[in-house]
Amino acid sequence: MIDLHYHLALNPDPLVLEALASKELFTLAVTESPASFMKLWNKYRDIPRLRIGLGLHPLLASKATNLDLEDFKSYVKLTNYVGEVGLDFSIKGFDEKEKQIEIFRRIAIILSGKRKLVSVHSRKAGGETLEVLQENNCNMVVFHWYTGTLKILQQILDAGYYFSINSAMTRNAKGQRIISRIPRDRVLTETDGPFVKVNGHSATPIDVLIVEKYLSNLWGISREAVGLVVKENLLRLIG
């Protein structure tokens, strides 16, 4: 099983950490800032099959300083995974739209041409997120919890990028429609816990099972076969 977008820093539960040690579970722990990345890196970097992503969340971009970006540039040498970064033009972030674009563009310049898997946030900003990534030669990109238009979805696919889907997407018509348009060879799985809830509790990496079961029904193959497809997709992406 693969959870390619989980906020471990926001839920460092002992049971979660025990699950992360499972041989059957690969998890990307995304972070919200360079400072939170270093805390997680120093504490959990030796857990097998756990990768720590270097992040600067778009909703924190308005508070980002030059020092944050200098730290980002320095810390990116420590990991092959980046996330969570991107743009958010929802009501929560729209007033800081220009600042977000400035920060994300500077992040993309840092990543330009580097072999780093990048998990991006693109709420209400799919086209703008795609534009910044392509302008700066960012190639190993995964759009996490995509909620945009089908037109932009196709443009993202044409750019060679991937999508990670979570259980929240499987529970509404729009999310189901988006999932149905993503080719099997571009699908990855995530939980986005603890933001996504499952039966009243915060999703943890083991809840990626829900997504696998959904894809099993959608594709008409076993859950185990779904897991193999997702694993092959990740291996192809990271080379």
C-alpha atoms as a PDB file:
ATOM      1  CA  MET A   1       0.000   0.000   0.000  1.00  0.00           C
ATOM      2  CA  ILE A   2       1.110   3.527  -0.761  1.00  0.00           C
ATOM      3  CA  ASP A   3       0.055   6.711   1.020  1.00  0.00           C
ATOM      4  CA  LEU A   4       1.675   9.492  -0.967  1.00  0.00           C
ATOM      5  CA  HIS A   5       0.305  12.385   1.085  1.00  0.00           C
ATOM      6  CA  TYR A   6       0.018  12.201   4.875  1.00  0.00           C
ATOM      7  CA  HIS A   7       0.591  14.872   7.528  1.00  0.00           C
ATOM      8  CA  LEU A   8       2.530  12.924  10.142  1.00  0.00           C
ATOM      9  CA  ALA A   9       3.585  16.067  12.016  1.00  0.00           C
ATOM     10  CA  LEU A  10      -0.076  16.799  12.733  1.00  0.00           C
ATOM     11  CA  ASN A  11      -0.794  13.292  14.034  1.00  0.00           C
ATOM     12  CA  PRO A  12       2.310  11.651  15.573  1.00  0.00           C
ATOM     13  CA  ASP A  13       0.178   8.954  17.218  1.00  0.00           C
ATOM     14  CA  PRO A  14       2.099   5.872  18.463  1.00  0.00           C
ATOM     15  CA  LEU A  15      -0.351   3.604  16.618  1.00  0.00           C
ATOM     16  CA  VAL A  16       0.318   5.516  13.394  1.00  0.00           C
ATOM     17  CA  LEU A  17       4.066   5.167  13.893  1.00  0.00           C
ATOM     18  CA  GLU A  18       3.602   1.446  14.506  1.00  0.00           C
ATOM     19  CA  ALA A  19       1.650   1.148  11.242  1.00  0.00           C
ATOM     20  CA  LEU A  20       4.370   3.040   9.375  1.00  0.00           C
ATOM     21  CA  ALA A  21       6.815   0.288  10.282  1.00  0.00           C
ATOM     22  CA  SER A  22       4.717  -2.212   8.325  1.00  0.00           C
ATOM     23  CA  LYS A  23       6.470  -3.869   5.401  1.00  0.00           C
ATOM     24  CA  GLU A  24       3.302  -3.421   3.348  1.00  0.00           C
ATOM     25  CA  LEU A  25       3.047   0.352   3.727  1.00  0.00           C
ATOM     26  CA  PHE A  26       5.023   3.118   1.987  1.00  0.00           C
ATOM     27  CA  THR A  27       4.234   6.630   3.238  1.00  0.00           C
ATOM     28  CA  LEU A  28       5.222  10.122   2.180  1.00  0.00           C
ATOM     29  CA  ALA A  29       4.938  12.423   5.180  1.00  0.00           C
ATOM     30  CA  VAL A  30       4.395  15.902   3.766  1.00  0.00           C
ATOM     31  CA  THR A  31       5.178  19.000   5.812  1.00  0.00           C
ATOM     32  CA  GLU A  32       3.915  22.577   5.958  1.00  0.00           C
ATOM     33  CA  SER A  33       7.210  24.456   6.301  1.00  0.00           C
ATOM     34  CA  PRO A  34      10.980  23.933   6.189  1.00  0.00           C
ATOM     35  CA  ALA A  35      11.035  24.102  10.010  1.00  0.00           C
ATOM     36  CA  SER A  36       8.446  21.312  10.348  1.00  0.00           C
ATOM     37  CA  PHE A  37      10.376  19.279   7.762  1.00  0.00           C
ATOM     38  CA  MET A  38      13.554  19.422   9.846  1.00  0.00           C
ATOM     39  CA  LYS A  39      11.712  18.384  13.012  1.00  0.00           C
ATOM     40  CA  LEU A  40      10.228  15.375  11.243  1.00  0.00           C
ATOM     41  CA  TRP A  41      13.485  14.572   9.453  1.00  0.00           C
ATOM     42  CA  ASN A  42      15.481  14.573  12.687  1.00  0.00           C
ATOM     43  CA  LYS A  43      12.904  12.436  14.492  1.00  0.00           C
ATOM     44  CA  TYR A  44      11.661   9.897  11.944  1.00  0.00           C
ATOM     45  CA  ARG A  45      14.075   9.676   9.006  1.00  0.00           C
ATOM     46  CA  ASP A  46      15.227   6.171   9.954  1.00  0.00           C
ATOM     47  CA  ILE A  47      11.771   4.563   9.761  1.00  0.00           C
ATOM     48  CA  PRO A  48      11.826   2.148   6.789  1.00  0.00           C
ATOM     49  CA  ARG A  49       9.518   2.990   3.882  1.00  0.00           C
ATOM     50  CA  LEU A  50       8.756   6.424   5.366  1.00  0.00           C
ATOM     51  CA  ARG A  51       9.863   9.418   3.329  1.00  0.00           C
ATOM     52  CA  ILE A  52       9.811  12.990   4.621  1.00  0.00           C
ATOM     53  CA  GLY A  53       8.674  15.645   2.163  1.00  0.00           C
ATOM     54  CA  LEU A  54      10.034  19.184   2.288  1.00  0.00           C
ATOM     55  CA  GLY A  55       7.087  21.554   2.216  1.00  0.00           C
ATOM     56  CA  LEU A  56       5.891  25.140   2.292  1.00  0.00           C
ATOM     57  CA  HIS A  57       2.105  25.083   2.255  1.00  0.00           C
ATOM     58  CA  PRO A  58       0.467  27.728   0.036  1.00  0.00           C
ATOM     59  CA  LEU A  59      -1.748  28.976   2.879  1.00  0.00           C
ATOM     60  CA  LEU A  60       1.420  29.808   4.808  1.00  0.00           C
ATOM     61  CA  ALA A  61       3.059  31.547   1.839  1.00  0.00           C
ATOM     62  CA  SER A  62       1.993  35.031   2.946  1.00  0.00           C
ATOM     63  CA  LYS A  63       4.103  34.578   6.080  1.00  0.00           C
ATOM     64  CA  ALA A  64       7.095  33.065   4.298  1.00  0.00           C
ATOM     65  CA  THR A  65      10.372  34.958   4.576  1.00  0.00           C
ATOM     66  CA  ASN A  66      13.576  34.923   2.572  1.00  0.00           C
ATOM     67  CA  LEU A  67      15.041  32.802   5.371  1.00  0.00           C
ATOM     68  CA  ASP A  68      12.288  30.194   4.841  1.00  0.00           C
ATOM     69  CA  LEU A  69      13.214  29.995   1.170  1.00  0.00           C
ATOM     70  CA  GLU A  70      16.923  29.842   1.953  1.00  0.00           C
ATOM     71  CA  ASP A  71      16.191  26.961   4.343  1.00  0.00           C
ATOM     72  CA  PHE A  72      14.082  25.281   1.651  1.00  0.00           C
ATOM     73  CA  LYS A  73      16.954  25.532  -0.814  1.00  0.00           C
ATOM     74  CA  SER A  74      19.372  24.113   1.748  1.00  0.00           C
ATOM     75  CA  TYR A  75      17.153  21.271   3.008  1.00  0.00           C
ATOM     76  CA  VAL A  76      16.124  20.059  -0.456  1.00  0.00           C
ATOM     77  CA  LYS A  77      19.492  18.284  -0.623  1.00  0.00           C
ATOM     78  CA  LEU A  78      18.360  15.985   2.197  1.00  0.00           C
ATOM     79  CA  THR A  79      15.355  14.427   0.478  1.00  0.00           C
ATOM     80  CA  ASN A  80      14.088  13.303  -2.910  1.00  0.00           C
ATOM     81  CA  TYR A  81      10.528  14.222  -1.932  1.00  0.00           C
ATOM     82  CA  VAL A  82       8.868  17.640  -1.816  1.00  0.00           C
ATOM     83  CA  GLY A  83       5.430  18.454  -0.448  1.00  0.00           C
ATOM     84  CA  GLU A  84       3.223  20.084   0.389  1.00  0.00           C
ATOM     85  CA  VAL A  85       3.746  23.011  -1.985  1.00  0.00           C
ATOM     86  CA  GLY A  86       1.545  24.718  -4.548  1.00  0.00           C
ATOM     87  CA  LEU A  87      -1.262  27.262  -4.793  1.00  0.00           C
ATOM     88  CA  ASP A  88      -4.624  27.723  -3.064  1.00  0.00           C
ATOM     89  CA  PHE A  89      -7.039  30.311  -4.467  1.00  0.00           C
ATOM     90  CA  SER A  90      -9.993  29.226  -2.333  1.00  0.00           C
ATOM     91  CA  ILE A  91     -11.606  31.780  -0.024  1.00  0.00           C
ATOM     92  CA  LYS A  92      -8.885  30.946   2.529  1.00  0.00           C
ATOM     93  CA  GLY A  93      -6.053  31.978   0.253  1.00  0.00           C
ATOM     94  CA  PHE A  94      -7.434  34.189  -2.501  1.00  0.00           C
ATOM     95  CA  ASP A  95      -6.405  37.488  -0.878  1.00  0.00           C
ATOM     96  CA  GLU A  96      -2.774  36.287  -0.870  1.00  0.00           C
ATOM     97  CA  LYS A  97      -2.918  35.026  -4.459  1.00  0.00           C
ATOM     98  CA  GLU A  98      -0.017  37.096  -5.803  1.00  0.00           C
ATOM     99  CA  LYS A  99       2.212  36.329  -2.826  1.00  0.00           C
ATOM    100  CA  GLN A 100       1.486  32.618  -3.239  1.00  0.00           C
ATOM    101  CA  ILE A 101       2.451  32.714  -6.913  1.00  0.00           C
ATOM    102  CA  GLU A 102       5.697  34.525  -6.066  1.00  0.00           C
ATOM    103  CA  ILE A 103       6.649  31.965  -3.404  1.00  0.00           C
ATOM    104  CA  PHE A 104       5.629  28.949  -5.479  1.00  0.00           C
ATOM    105  CA  ARG A 105       7.575  30.243  -8.468  1.00  0.00           C
ATOM    106  CA  ARG A 106      10.668  30.641  -6.298  1.00  0.00           C
ATOM    107  CA  ILE A 107      10.198  27.076  -5.020  1.00  0.00           C
ATOM    108  CA  ALA A 108       9.790  25.788  -8.584  1.00  0.00           C
ATOM    109  CA  ILE A 109      13.018  27.548  -9.598  1.00  0.00           C
ATOM    110  CA  ILE A 110      14.823  25.777  -6.744  1.00  0.00           C
ATOM    111  CA  LEU A 111      13.403  22.451  -7.968  1.00  0.00           C
ATOM    112  CA  SER A 112      13.954  23.100 -11.664  1.00  0.00           C
ATOM    113  CA  GLY A 113      15.566  20.127 -13.378  1.00  0.00           C
ATOM    114  CA  LYS A 114      16.060  18.226 -10.114  1.00  0.00           C
ATOM    115  CA  ARG A 115      14.869  14.635  -9.694  1.00  0.00           C
ATOM    116  CA  LYS A 116      12.477  15.314  -6.836  1.00  0.00           C
ATOM    117  CA  LEU A 117       8.968  13.894  -6.513  1.00  0.00           C
ATOM    118  CA  VAL A 118       6.725  16.909  -5.870  1.00  0.00           C
ATOM    119  CA  SER A 119       3.293  16.581  -4.230  1.00  0.00           C
ATOM    120  CA  VAL A 120       1.353  19.730  -5.124  1.00  0.00           C
ATOM    121  CA  HIS A 121      -1.737  21.439  -3.755  1.00  0.00           C
ATOM    122  CA  SER A 122      -3.825  23.157  -6.440  1.00  0.00           C
ATOM    123  CA  ARG A 123      -7.230  24.043  -4.964  1.00  0.00           C
ATOM    124  CA  LYS A 124      -9.043  26.517  -7.247  1.00  0.00           C
ATOM    125  CA  ALA A 125      -5.684  27.058  -8.985  1.00  0.00           C
ATOM    126  CA  GLY A 126      -5.075  24.055 -11.221  1.00  0.00           C
ATOM    127  CA  GLY A 127      -4.137  26.010 -14.330  1.00  0.00           C
ATOM    128  CA  GLU A 128      -1.843  28.424 -12.516  1.00  0.00           C
ATOM    129  CA  THR A 129      -0.147  25.574 -10.641  1.00  0.00           C
ATOM    130  CA  LEU A 130       0.449  23.697 -13.878  1.00  0.00           C
ATOM    131  CA  GLU A 131       1.851  26.804 -15.568  1.00  0.00           C
ATOM    132  CA  VAL A 132       4.449  27.449 -12.850  1.00  0.00           C
ATOM    133  CA  LEU A 133       5.559  23.801 -12.857  1.00  0.00           C
ATOM    134  CA  GLN A 134       5.961  23.630 -16.624  1.00  0.00           C
ATOM    135  CA  GLU A 135       7.726  26.978 -16.844  1.00  0.00           C
ATOM    136  CA  ASN A 136      10.378  25.676 -14.468  1.00  0.00           C
ATOM    137  CA  ASN A 137      10.933  22.156 -15.807  1.00  0.00           C
ATOM    138  CA  CYS A 138       9.476  20.338 -12.798  1.00  0.00           C
ATOM    139  CA  ASN A 139       8.886  16.824 -14.107  1.00  0.00           C
ATOM    140  CA  MET A 140       8.155  14.371 -11.264  1.00  0.00           C
ATOM    141  CA  VAL A 141       4.864  15.934 -10.173  1.00  0.00           C
ATOM    142  CA  VAL A 142       1.819  14.502  -8.388  1.00  0.00           C
ATOM    143  CA  PHE A 143      -1.338  16.601  -8.096  1.00  0.00           C
ATOM    144  CA  HIS A 144      -2.734  15.708  -4.688  1.00  0.00           C
ATOM    145  CA  TRP A 145      -6.537  15.680  -4.098  1.00  0.00           C
ATOM    146  CA  TYR A 146      -7.274  17.405  -7.401  1.00  0.00           C
ATOM    147  CA  THR A 147     -10.679  19.145  -7.430  1.00  0.00           C
ATOM    148  CA  GLY A 148     -10.429  21.287 -10.568  1.00  0.00           C
ATOM    149  CA  THR A 149     -11.949  21.108 -14.031  1.00  0.00           C
ATOM    150  CA  LEU A 150     -11.723  18.177 -16.401  1.00  0.00           C
ATOM    151  CA  LYS A 151     -10.173  20.482 -19.010  1.00  0.00           C
ATOM    152  CA  ILE A 152      -7.233  21.318 -16.735  1.00  0.00           C
ATOM    153  CA  LEU A 153      -7.049  17.667 -15.680  1.00  0.00           C
ATOM    154  CA  GLN A 154      -6.396  16.726 -19.297  1.00  0.00           C
ATOM    155  CA  GLN A 155      -3.719  19.406 -19.582  1.00  0.00           C
ATOM    156  CA  ILE A 156      -2.048  17.989 -16.478  1.00  0.00           C
ATOM    157  CA  LEU A 157      -2.119  14.521 -18.029  1.00  0.00           C
ATOM    158  CA  ASP A 158      -0.711  15.905 -21.282  1.00  0.00           C
ATOM    159  CA  ALA A 159       2.171  17.354 -19.269  1.00  0.00           C
ATOM    160  CA  GLY A 160       2.989  13.832 -18.055  1.00  0.00           C
ATOM    161  CA  TYR A 161       1.992  14.417 -14.433  1.00  0.00           C
ATOM    162  CA  TYR A 162       0.268  12.067 -11.967  1.00  0.00           C
ATOM    163  CA  PHE A 163      -2.619  12.304  -9.476  1.00  0.00           C
ATOM    164  CA  SER A 164      -2.940  10.944  -5.930  1.00  0.00           C
ATOM    165  CA  ILE A 165      -6.507  10.203  -4.850  1.00  0.00           C
ATOM    166  CA  ASN A 166      -7.982   9.781  -1.387  1.00  0.00           C
ATOM    167  CA  SER A 167     -11.144   8.394   0.195  1.00  0.00           C
ATOM    168  CA  ALA A 168     -12.860  11.800   0.320  1.00  0.00           C
ATOM    169  CA  MET A 169     -12.786  11.890  -3.485  1.00  0.00           C
ATOM    170  CA  THR A 170     -14.546   8.528  -3.664  1.00  0.00           C
ATOM    171  CA  ARG A 171     -17.518   9.818  -1.650  1.00  0.00           C
ATOM    172  CA  ASN A 172     -18.860  12.525  -3.963  1.00  0.00           C
ATOM    173  CA  ALA A 173     -19.910  12.742  -7.599  1.00  0.00           C
ATOM    174  CA  LYS A 174     -17.275  15.291  -8.628  1.00  0.00           C
ATOM    175  CA  GLY A 175     -14.438  13.299  -7.096  1.00  0.00           C
ATOM    176  CA  GLN A 176     -15.702  10.098  -8.701  1.00  0.00           C
ATOM    177  CA  ARG A 177     -15.893  11.829 -12.080  1.00  0.00           C
ATOM    178  CA  ILE A 178     -12.317  13.059 -11.723  1.00  0.00           C
ATOM    179  CA  ILE A 179     -11.073   9.592 -10.732  1.00  0.00           C
ATOM    180  CA  SER A 180     -12.809   8.040 -13.736  1.00  0.00           C
ATOM    181  CA  ARG A 181     -10.880  10.373 -16.098  1.00  0.00           C
ATOM    182  CA  ILE A 182      -7.425   9.501 -14.780  1.00  0.00           C
ATOM    183  CA  PRO A 183      -5.710   6.655 -16.703  1.00  0.00           C
ATOM    184  CA  ARG A 184      -4.630   3.724 -14.551  1.00  0.00           C
ATOM    185  CA  ASP A 185      -0.978   4.413 -15.237  1.00  0.00           C
ATOM    186  CA  ARG A 186      -1.225   7.908 -13.684  1.00  0.00           C
ATOM    187  CA  VAL A 187      -3.023   6.952 -10.457  1.00  0.00           C
ATOM    188  CA  LEU A 188      -1.383   7.042  -7.041  1.00  0.00           C
ATOM    189  CA  THR A 189      -3.056   6.779  -3.636  1.00  0.00           C
ATOM    190  CA  GLU A 190      -3.071   8.974  -0.541  1.00  0.00           C
ATOM    191  CA  THR A 191      -5.047   9.650   2.636  1.00  0.00           C
ATOM    192  CA  ASP A 192      -4.324  13.337   3.389  1.00  0.00           C
ATOM    193  CA  GLY A 193      -4.828  12.479   7.031  1.00  0.00           C
ATOM    194  CA  PRO A 194      -5.632  13.954   9.427  1.00  0.00           C
ATOM    195  CA  PHE A 195      -7.607  16.387   7.225  1.00  0.00           C
ATOM    196  CA  VAL A 196      -9.665  13.607   5.640  1.00  0.00           C
ATOM    197  CA  LYS A 197     -11.990  11.790   8.033  1.00  0.00           C
ATOM    198  CA  VAL A 198     -12.981   8.124   7.849  1.00  0.00           C
ATOM    199  CA  ASN A 199     -15.969   6.969   9.896  1.00  0.00           C
ATOM    200  CA  GLY A 200     -15.546   9.895  12.247  1.00  0.00           C
ATOM    201  CA  HIS A 201     -11.807   9.544  12.826  1.00  0.00           C
ATOM    202  CA  SER A 202      -8.811  11.139  11.168  1.00  0.00           C
ATOM    203  CA  ALA A 203      -7.524   9.109   8.247  1.00  0.00           C
ATOM    204  CA  THR A 204      -4.219   7.328   8.778  1.00  0.00           C
ATOM    205  CA  PRO A 205      -2.048   5.612   6.152  1.00  0.00           C
ATOM    206  CA  ILE A 206      -3.775   2.262   6.630  1.00  0.00           C
ATOM    207  CA  ASP A 207      -6.985   3.904   5.338  1.00  0.00           C
ATOM    208  CA  VAL A 208      -5.535   3.877   1.837  1.00  0.00           C
ATOM    209  CA  LEU A 209      -7.270   0.488   1.785  1.00  0.00           C
ATOM    210  CA  ILE A 210     -10.525   2.363   1.144  1.00  0.00           C
ATOM    211  CA  VAL A 211      -9.126   3.864  -2.041  1.00  0.00           C
ATOM    212  CA  GLU A 212      -7.752   0.528  -3.179  1.00  0.00           C
ATOM    213  CA  LYS A 213     -11.155  -1.105  -2.678  1.00  0.00           C
ATOM    214  CA  TYR A 214     -12.857   1.685  -4.626  1.00  0.00           C
ATOM    215  CA  LEU A 215     -10.420   1.312  -7.520  1.00  0.00           C
ATOM    216  CA  SER A 216     -10.851  -2.455  -7.377  1.00  0.00           C
ATOM    217  CA  ASN A 217     -14.583  -2.036  -8.053  1.00  0.00           C
ATOM    218  CA  LEU A 218     -14.027   0.689 -10.665  1.00  0.00           C
ATOM    219  CA  TRP A 219     -11.403  -1.228 -12.635  1.00  0.00           C
ATOM    220  CA  GLY A 220     -12.820  -4.702 -12.115  1.00  0.00           C
ATOM    221  CA  ILE A 221      -9.619  -6.154 -10.675  1.00  0.00           C
ATOM    222  CA  SER A 222      -8.609  -7.390  -7.218  1.00  0.00           C
ATOM    223  CA  ARG A 223      -7.479  -5.020  -4.494  1.00  0.00           C
ATOM    224  CA  GLU A 224      -4.081  -6.712  -4.576  1.00  0.00           C
ATOM    225  CA  ALA A 225      -3.847  -6.006  -8.304  1.00  0.00           C
ATOM    226  CA  VAL A 226      -4.711  -2.354  -7.657  1.00  0.00           C
ATOM    227  CA  GLY A 227      -1.832  -2.206  -5.181  1.00  0.00           C
ATOM    228  CA  LEU A 228       0.541  -3.541  -7.803  1.00  0.00           C
ATOM    229  CA  VAL A 229      -0.636  -0.984 -10.382  1.00  0.00           C
ATOM    230  CA  VAL A 230      -0.073   1.865  -7.930  1.00  0.00           C
ATOM    231  CA  LYS A 231       3.340   0.511  -6.943  1.00  0.00           C
ATOM    232  CA  GLU A 232       4.381   0.234 -10.594  1.00  0.00           C
ATOM    233  CA  ASN A 233       3.195   3.804 -11.196  1.00  0.00           C
ATOM    234  CA  LEU A 234       5.271   5.123  -8.305  1.00  0.00           C
ATOM    235  CA  LEU A 235       8.351   3.204  -9.399  1.00  0.00           C
ATOM    236  CA  ARG A 236       7.955   4.525 -12.952  1.00  0.00           C
ATOM    237  CA  LEU A 237       7.615   8.079 -11.664  1.00  0.00           C
ATOM    238  CA  ILE A 238      10.666   8.009  -9.416  1.00  0.00           C
ATOM    239  CA  GLY A 239      12.691   5.924 -11.852  1.00  0.00           C
END
